[in-house]
């Protein structure tokens, strides 16, 4: 099973990862990070739907996302 890890404290909320996810499992969190942004992430309920394509990590301009296969 693939897994994605978001360093939410570094996310600027650009939404690039949300737009490219083929499984549409990435969304903005309700909470704000230290920078005042709503970070992107994947809920634990949706984590099992991740296929490990790494499209989200490739699109992230701030290298916030790590994909573990």
PDB file of N, CA and C in Angstrom:
ATOM      1  N   UNK A   1       0.841  -1.190   0.000  1.00  0.00           N
ATOM      2  CA  UNK A   1       0.000   0.000   0.000  1.00  0.00           C
ATOM      3  C   UNK A   1       0.884   1.250   0.000  1.00  0.00           C
ATOM      4  N   UNK A   2       0.568   2.169  -0.861  1.00  0.00           N
ATOM      5  CA  UNK A   2       1.290   3.439  -0.941  1.00  0.00           C
ATOM      6  C   UNK A   2       0.797   4.377   0.158  1.00  0.00           C
ATOM      7  N   UNK A   3       1.650   5.314   0.486  1.00  0.00           N
ATOM      8  CA  UNK A   3       1.320   6.295   1.529  1.00  0.00           C
ATOM      9  C   UNK A   3       1.969   7.629   1.160  1.00  0.00           C
ATOM     10  N   UNK A   4       1.260   8.715   1.400  1.00  0.00           N
ATOM     11  CA  UNK A   4       1.829  10.041   1.168  1.00  0.00           C
ATOM     12  C   UNK A   4       1.929  10.777   2.501  1.00  0.00           C
ATOM     13  N   UNK A   5       3.026  11.485   2.657  1.00  0.00           N
ATOM     14  CA  UNK A   5       3.246  12.260   3.871  1.00  0.00           C
ATOM     15  C   UNK A   5       3.402  13.722   3.468  1.00  0.00           C
ATOM     16  N   UNK A   6       2.621  14.578   4.082  1.00  0.00           N
ATOM     17  CA  UNK A   6       2.663  16.011   3.828  1.00  0.00           C
ATOM     18  C   UNK A   6       3.308  16.696   5.025  1.00  0.00           C
ATOM     19  N   UNK A   7       4.318  17.517   4.767  1.00  0.00           N
ATOM     20  CA  UNK A   7       4.864  18.357   5.832  1.00  0.00           C
ATOM     21  C   UNK A   7       3.989  19.608   5.863  1.00  0.00           C
ATOM     22  N   UNK A   8       2.902  19.482   6.576  1.00  0.00           N
ATOM     23  CA  UNK A   8       1.855  20.508   6.554  1.00  0.00           C
ATOM     24  C   UNK A   8       2.353  21.881   6.984  1.00  0.00           C
ATOM     25  N   UNK A   9       3.349  21.927   7.848  1.00  0.00           N
ATOM     26  CA  UNK A   9       3.844  23.223   8.315  1.00  0.00           C
ATOM     27  C   UNK A   9       4.527  24.013   7.201  1.00  0.00           C
ATOM     28  N   UNK A  10       4.951  23.331   6.113  1.00  0.00           N
ATOM     29  CA  UNK A  10       5.621  24.010   5.003  1.00  0.00           C
ATOM     30  C   UNK A  10       4.693  24.288   3.819  1.00  0.00           C
ATOM     31  N   UNK A  11       3.490  23.724   3.832  1.00  0.00           N
ATOM     32  CA  UNK A  11       2.553  23.858   2.706  1.00  0.00           C
ATOM     33  C   UNK A  11       2.023  25.295   2.617  1.00  0.00           C
ATOM     34  N   UNK A  12       2.008  25.832   1.389  1.00  0.00           N
ATOM     35  CA  UNK A  12       1.495  27.185   1.153  1.00  0.00           C
ATOM     36  C   UNK A  12       0.098  27.182   0.546  1.00  0.00           C
ATOM     37  N   UNK A  13      -0.504  26.003   0.447  1.00  0.00           N
ATOM     38  CA  UNK A  13      -1.893  25.916  -0.006  1.00  0.00           C
ATOM     39  C   UNK A  13      -2.119  26.267  -1.461  1.00  0.00           C
ATOM     40  N   UNK A  14      -1.162  25.960  -2.333  1.00  0.00           N
ATOM     41  CA  UNK A  14      -1.322  26.312  -3.750  1.00  0.00           C
ATOM     42  C   UNK A  14      -2.369  25.435  -4.450  1.00  0.00           C
ATOM     43  N   UNK A  15      -2.556  24.204  -3.968  1.00  0.00           N
ATOM     44  CA  UNK A  15      -3.560  23.316  -4.554  1.00  0.00           C
ATOM     45  C   UNK A  15      -3.101  22.527  -5.759  1.00  0.00           C
ATOM     46  N   UNK A  16      -1.836  22.655  -6.158  1.00  0.00           N
ATOM     47  CA  UNK A  16      -1.348  21.897  -7.312  1.00  0.00           C
ATOM     48  C   UNK A  16      -1.535  20.396  -7.116  1.00  0.00           C
ATOM     49  N   UNK A  17      -1.250  19.911  -5.923  1.00  0.00           N
ATOM     50  CA  UNK A  17      -1.362  18.477  -5.641  1.00  0.00           C
ATOM     51  C   UNK A  17      -2.817  18.013  -5.728  1.00  0.00           C
ATOM     52  N   UNK A  18      -3.724  18.849  -5.293  1.00  0.00           N
ATOM     53  CA  UNK A  18      -5.151  18.510  -5.347  1.00  0.00           C
ATOM     54  C   UNK A  18      -5.596  18.369  -6.793  1.00  0.00           C
ATOM     55  N   UNK A  19      -5.132  19.270  -7.642  1.00  0.00           N
ATOM     56  CA  UNK A  19      -5.547  19.270  -9.048  1.00  0.00           C
ATOM     57  C   UNK A  19      -5.017  18.084  -9.843  1.00  0.00           C
ATOM     58  N   UNK A  20      -3.858  17.539  -9.463  1.00  0.00           N
ATOM     59  CA  UNK A  20      -3.271  16.458 -10.272  1.00  0.00           C
ATOM     60  C   UNK A  20      -3.541  15.060  -9.724  1.00  0.00           C
ATOM     61  N   UNK A  21      -4.097  14.931  -8.550  1.00  0.00           N
ATOM     62  CA  UNK A  21      -4.328  13.601  -7.972  1.00  0.00           C
ATOM     63  C   UNK A  21      -5.386  12.847  -8.774  1.00  0.00           C
ATOM     64  N   UNK A  22      -5.006  11.711  -9.384  1.00  0.00           N
ATOM     65  CA  UNK A  22      -5.977  10.965 -10.194  1.00  0.00           C
ATOM     66  C   UNK A  22      -7.076  10.305  -9.360  1.00  0.00           C
ATOM     67  N   UNK A  23      -6.844  10.140  -8.079  1.00  0.00           N
ATOM     68  CA  UNK A  23      -7.838   9.517  -7.194  1.00  0.00           C
ATOM     69  C   UNK A  23      -8.646  10.542  -6.409  1.00  0.00           C
ATOM     70  N   UNK A  24      -8.355  11.810  -6.581  1.00  0.00           N
ATOM     71  CA  UNK A  24      -9.027  12.932  -5.906  1.00  0.00           C
ATOM     72  C   UNK A  24      -9.169  12.704  -4.392  1.00  0.00           C
ATOM     73  N   UNK A  25      -8.065  12.294  -3.764  1.00  0.00           N
ATOM     74  CA  UNK A  25      -8.103  12.034  -2.322  1.00  0.00           C
ATOM     75  C   UNK A  25      -7.420  13.134  -1.510  1.00  0.00           C
ATOM     76  N   UNK A  26      -6.806  14.102  -2.160  1.00  0.00           N
ATOM     77  CA  UNK A  26      -6.115  15.186  -1.464  1.00  0.00           C
ATOM     78  C   UNK A  26      -7.070  16.369  -1.320  1.00  0.00           C
ATOM     79  N   UNK A  27      -7.079  16.966  -0.160  1.00  0.00           N
ATOM     80  CA  UNK A  27      -7.938  18.130   0.071  1.00  0.00           C
ATOM     81  C   UNK A  27      -7.246  19.078   1.050  1.00  0.00           C
ATOM     82  N   UNK A  28      -7.773  20.298   1.132  1.00  0.00           N
ATOM     83  CA  UNK A  28      -7.250  21.256   2.100  1.00  0.00           C
ATOM     84  C   UNK A  28      -7.760  20.891   3.490  1.00  0.00           C
ATOM     85  N   UNK A  29      -6.915  21.051   4.482  1.00  0.00           N
ATOM     86  CA  UNK A  29      -7.289  20.813   5.878  1.00  0.00           C
ATOM     87  C   UNK A  29      -8.038  22.022   6.405  1.00  0.00           C
ATOM     88  N   UNK A  30      -8.816  21.813   7.436  1.00  0.00           N
ATOM     89  CA  UNK A  30      -9.555  22.911   8.051  1.00  0.00           C
ATOM     90  C   UNK A  30      -8.649  23.819   8.881  1.00  0.00           C
ATOM     91  N   UNK A  31      -7.629  23.226   9.487  1.00  0.00           N
ATOM     92  CA  UNK A  31      -6.750  24.002  10.360  1.00  0.00           C
ATOM     93  C   UNK A  31      -5.756  24.836   9.553  1.00  0.00           C
ATOM     94  N   UNK A  32      -5.219  25.855  10.185  1.00  0.00           N
ATOM     95  CA  UNK A  32      -4.184  26.683   9.573  1.00  0.00           C
ATOM     96  C   UNK A  32      -2.826  26.218  10.072  1.00  0.00           C
ATOM     97  N   UNK A  33      -1.817  26.293   9.200  1.00  0.00           N
ATOM     98  CA  UNK A  33      -0.459  25.984   9.650  1.00  0.00           C
ATOM     99  C   UNK A  33       0.186  27.256  10.192  1.00  0.00           C
ATOM    100  N   UNK A  34       1.441  27.175  10.577  1.00  0.00           N
ATOM    101  CA  UNK A  34       2.122  28.327  11.171  1.00  0.00           C
ATOM    102  C   UNK A  34       2.260  29.502  10.212  1.00  0.00           C
ATOM    103  N   UNK A  35       2.233  29.222   8.906  1.00  0.00           N
ATOM    104  CA  UNK A  35       2.315  30.282   7.905  1.00  0.00           C
ATOM    105  C   UNK A  35       0.978  30.941   7.620  1.00  0.00           C
ATOM    106  N   UNK A  36      -0.086  30.420   8.221  1.00  0.00           N
ATOM    107  CA  UNK A  36      -1.418  30.982   8.006  1.00  0.00           C
ATOM    108  C   UNK A  36      -2.141  30.398   6.813  1.00  0.00           C
ATOM    109  N   UNK A  37      -1.661  29.282   6.289  1.00  0.00           N
ATOM    110  CA  UNK A  37      -2.273  28.627   5.132  1.00  0.00           C
ATOM    111  C   UNK A  37      -3.044  27.387   5.567  1.00  0.00           C
ATOM    112  N   UNK A  38      -4.046  27.040   4.765  1.00  0.00           N
ATOM    113  CA  UNK A  38      -4.721  25.759   4.932  1.00  0.00           C
ATOM    114  C   UNK A  38      -3.893  24.736   4.156  1.00  0.00           C
ATOM    115  N   UNK A  39      -3.198  23.842   4.849  1.00  0.00           N
ATOM    116  CA  UNK A  39      -2.346  22.886   4.141  1.00  0.00           C
ATOM    117  C   UNK A  39      -3.160  21.771   3.489  1.00  0.00           C
ATOM    118  N   UNK A  40      -2.600  21.191   2.453  1.00  0.00           N
ATOM    119  CA  UNK A  40      -3.217  20.042   1.803  1.00  0.00           C
ATOM    120  C   UNK A  40      -2.817  18.783   2.546  1.00  0.00           C
ATOM    121  N   UNK A  41      -3.623  17.750   2.385  1.00  0.00           N
ATOM    122  CA  UNK A  41      -3.316  16.476   3.011  1.00  0.00           C
ATOM    123  C   UNK A  41      -4.296  15.403   2.589  1.00  0.00           C
ATOM    124  N   UNK A  42      -4.026  14.190   3.035  1.00  0.00           N
ATOM    125  CA  UNK A  42      -4.899  13.052   2.766  1.00  0.00           C
ATOM    126  C   UNK A  42      -5.367  12.505   4.103  1.00  0.00           C
ATOM    127  N   UNK A  43      -6.667  12.327   4.241  1.00  0.00           N
ATOM    128  CA  UNK A  43      -7.200  11.781   5.479  1.00  0.00           C
ATOM    129  C   UNK A  43      -6.826  10.303   5.596  1.00  0.00           C
ATOM    130  N   UNK A  44      -6.805   9.811   6.807  1.00  0.00           N
ATOM    131  CA  UNK A  44      -6.488   8.391   7.029  1.00  0.00           C
ATOM    132  C   UNK A  44      -7.493   7.486   6.328  1.00  0.00           C
ATOM    133  N   UNK A  45      -8.747   7.915   6.246  1.00  0.00           N
ATOM    134  CA  UNK A  45      -9.784   7.114   5.578  1.00  0.00           C
ATOM    135  C   UNK A  45      -9.496   6.946   4.092  1.00  0.00           C
ATOM    136  N   UNK A  46      -8.872   7.953   3.480  1.00  0.00           N
ATOM    137  CA  UNK A  46      -8.589   7.913   2.046  1.00  0.00           C
ATOM    138  C   UNK A  46      -7.195   7.401   1.703  1.00  0.00           C
ATOM    139  N   UNK A  47      -6.352   7.225   2.693  1.00  0.00           N
ATOM    140  CA  UNK A  47      -4.968   6.844   2.431  1.00  0.00           C
ATOM    141  C   UNK A  47      -4.867   5.521   1.671  1.00  0.00           C
ATOM    142  N   UNK A  48      -5.781   4.591   1.927  1.00  0.00           N
ATOM    143  CA  UNK A  48      -5.730   3.296   1.245  1.00  0.00           C
ATOM    144  C   UNK A  48      -6.084   3.387  -0.236  1.00  0.00           C
ATOM    145  N   UNK A  49      -6.616   4.529  -0.667  1.00  0.00           N
ATOM    146  CA  UNK A  49      -6.938   4.730  -2.083  1.00  0.00           C
ATOM    147  C   UNK A  49      -5.745   5.249  -2.886  1.00  0.00           C
ATOM    148  N   UNK A  50      -4.673   5.655  -2.201  1.00  0.00           N
ATOM    149  CA  UNK A  50      -3.488   6.183  -2.869  1.00  0.00           C
ATOM    150  C   UNK A  50      -2.820   5.077  -3.681  1.00  0.00           C
ATOM    151  N   UNK A  51      -2.486   5.390  -4.946  1.00  0.00           N
ATOM    152  CA  UNK A  51      -1.845   4.407  -5.819  1.00  0.00           C
ATOM    153  C   UNK A  51      -0.340   4.638  -5.937  1.00  0.00           C
ATOM    154  N   UNK A  52       0.168   5.641  -5.245  1.00  0.00           N
ATOM    155  CA  UNK A  52       1.609   5.888  -5.231  1.00  0.00           C
ATOM    156  C   UNK A  52       2.172   6.428  -6.536  1.00  0.00           C
ATOM    157  N   UNK A  53       1.369   7.136  -7.301  1.00  0.00           N
ATOM    158  CA  UNK A  53       1.815   7.644  -8.605  1.00  0.00           C
ATOM    159  C   UNK A  53       2.813   8.794  -8.474  1.00  0.00           C
ATOM    160  N   UNK A  54       2.820   9.455  -7.337  1.00  0.00           N
ATOM    161  CA  UNK A  54       3.720  10.575  -7.030  1.00  0.00           C
ATOM    162  C   UNK A  54       3.468  11.821  -7.869  1.00  0.00           C
ATOM    163  N   UNK A  55       2.326  11.920  -8.516  1.00  0.00           N
ATOM    164  CA  UNK A  55       1.990  13.134  -9.262  1.00  0.00           C
ATOM    165  C   UNK A  55       1.945  14.342  -8.330  1.00  0.00           C
ATOM    166  N   UNK A  56       1.428  14.143  -7.139  1.00  0.00           N
ATOM    167  CA  UNK A  56       1.330  15.241  -6.177  1.00  0.00           C
ATOM    168  C   UNK A  56       2.715  15.752  -5.790  1.00  0.00           C
ATOM    169  N   UNK A  57       3.621  14.839  -5.524  1.00  0.00           N
ATOM    170  CA  UNK A  57       4.976  15.230  -5.111  1.00  0.00           C
ATOM    171  C   UNK A  57       5.714  15.940  -6.234  1.00  0.00           C
ATOM    172  N   UNK A  58       5.499  15.503  -7.466  1.00  0.00           N
ATOM    173  CA  UNK A  58       6.169  16.128  -8.614  1.00  0.00           C
ATOM    174  C   UNK A  58       5.675  17.552  -8.836  1.00  0.00           C
ATOM    175  N   UNK A  59       4.427  17.812  -8.520  1.00  0.00           N
ATOM    176  CA  UNK A  59       3.839  19.132  -8.759  1.00  0.00           C
ATOM    177  C   UNK A  59       4.076  20.122  -7.616  1.00  0.00           C
ATOM    178  N   UNK A  60       4.499  19.644  -6.468  1.00  0.00           N
ATOM    179  CA  UNK A  60       4.649  20.520  -5.305  1.00  0.00           C
ATOM    180  C   UNK A  60       5.885  21.410  -5.446  1.00  0.00           C
ATOM    181  N   UNK A  61       5.690  22.735  -5.504  1.00  0.00           N
ATOM    182  CA  UNK A  61       6.829  23.626  -5.666  1.00  0.00           C
ATOM    183  C   UNK A  61       7.706  23.751  -4.416  1.00  0.00           C
ATOM    184  N   UNK A  62       7.191  23.305  -3.277  1.00  0.00           N
ATOM    185  CA  UNK A  62       7.930  23.456  -2.022  1.00  0.00           C
ATOM    186  C   UNK A  62       8.424  22.127  -1.446  1.00  0.00           C
ATOM    187  N   UNK A  63       8.338  21.048  -2.229  1.00  0.00           N
ATOM    188  CA  UNK A  63       8.815  19.720  -1.795  1.00  0.00           C
ATOM    189  C   UNK A  63       8.228  19.330  -0.451  1.00  0.00           C
ATOM    190  N   UNK A  64       6.938  19.498  -0.317  1.00  0.00           N
ATOM    191  CA  UNK A  64       6.230  19.213   0.926  1.00  0.00           C
ATOM    192  C   UNK A  64       5.823  17.744   1.029  1.00  0.00           C
ATOM    193  N   UNK A  65       5.720  17.051  -0.110  1.00  0.00           N
ATOM    194  CA  UNK A  65       5.115  15.728  -0.161  1.00  0.00           C
ATOM    195  C   UNK A  65       6.158  14.637  -0.374  1.00  0.00           C
ATOM    196  N   UNK A  66       6.045  13.582   0.427  1.00  0.00           N
ATOM    197  CA  UNK A  66       6.875  12.393   0.270  1.00  0.00           C
ATOM    198  C   UNK A  66       5.948  11.213   0.002  1.00  0.00           C
ATOM    199  N   UNK A  67       6.258  10.430  -1.026  1.00  0.00           N
ATOM    200  CA  UNK A  67       5.461   9.247  -1.362  1.00  0.00           C
ATOM    201  C   UNK A  67       6.249   8.008  -0.979  1.00  0.00           C
ATOM    202  N   UNK A  68       5.602   7.143  -0.212  1.00  0.00           N
ATOM    203  CA  UNK A  68       6.220   5.876   0.207  1.00  0.00           C
ATOM    204  C   UNK A  68       5.435   4.753  -0.451  1.00  0.00           C
ATOM    205  N   UNK A  69       6.159   3.924  -1.175  1.00  0.00           N
ATOM    206  CA  UNK A  69       5.483   2.802  -1.861  1.00  0.00           C
ATOM    207  C   UNK A  69       5.713   1.506  -1.137  1.00  0.00           C
TER     208      UNK A  69
END
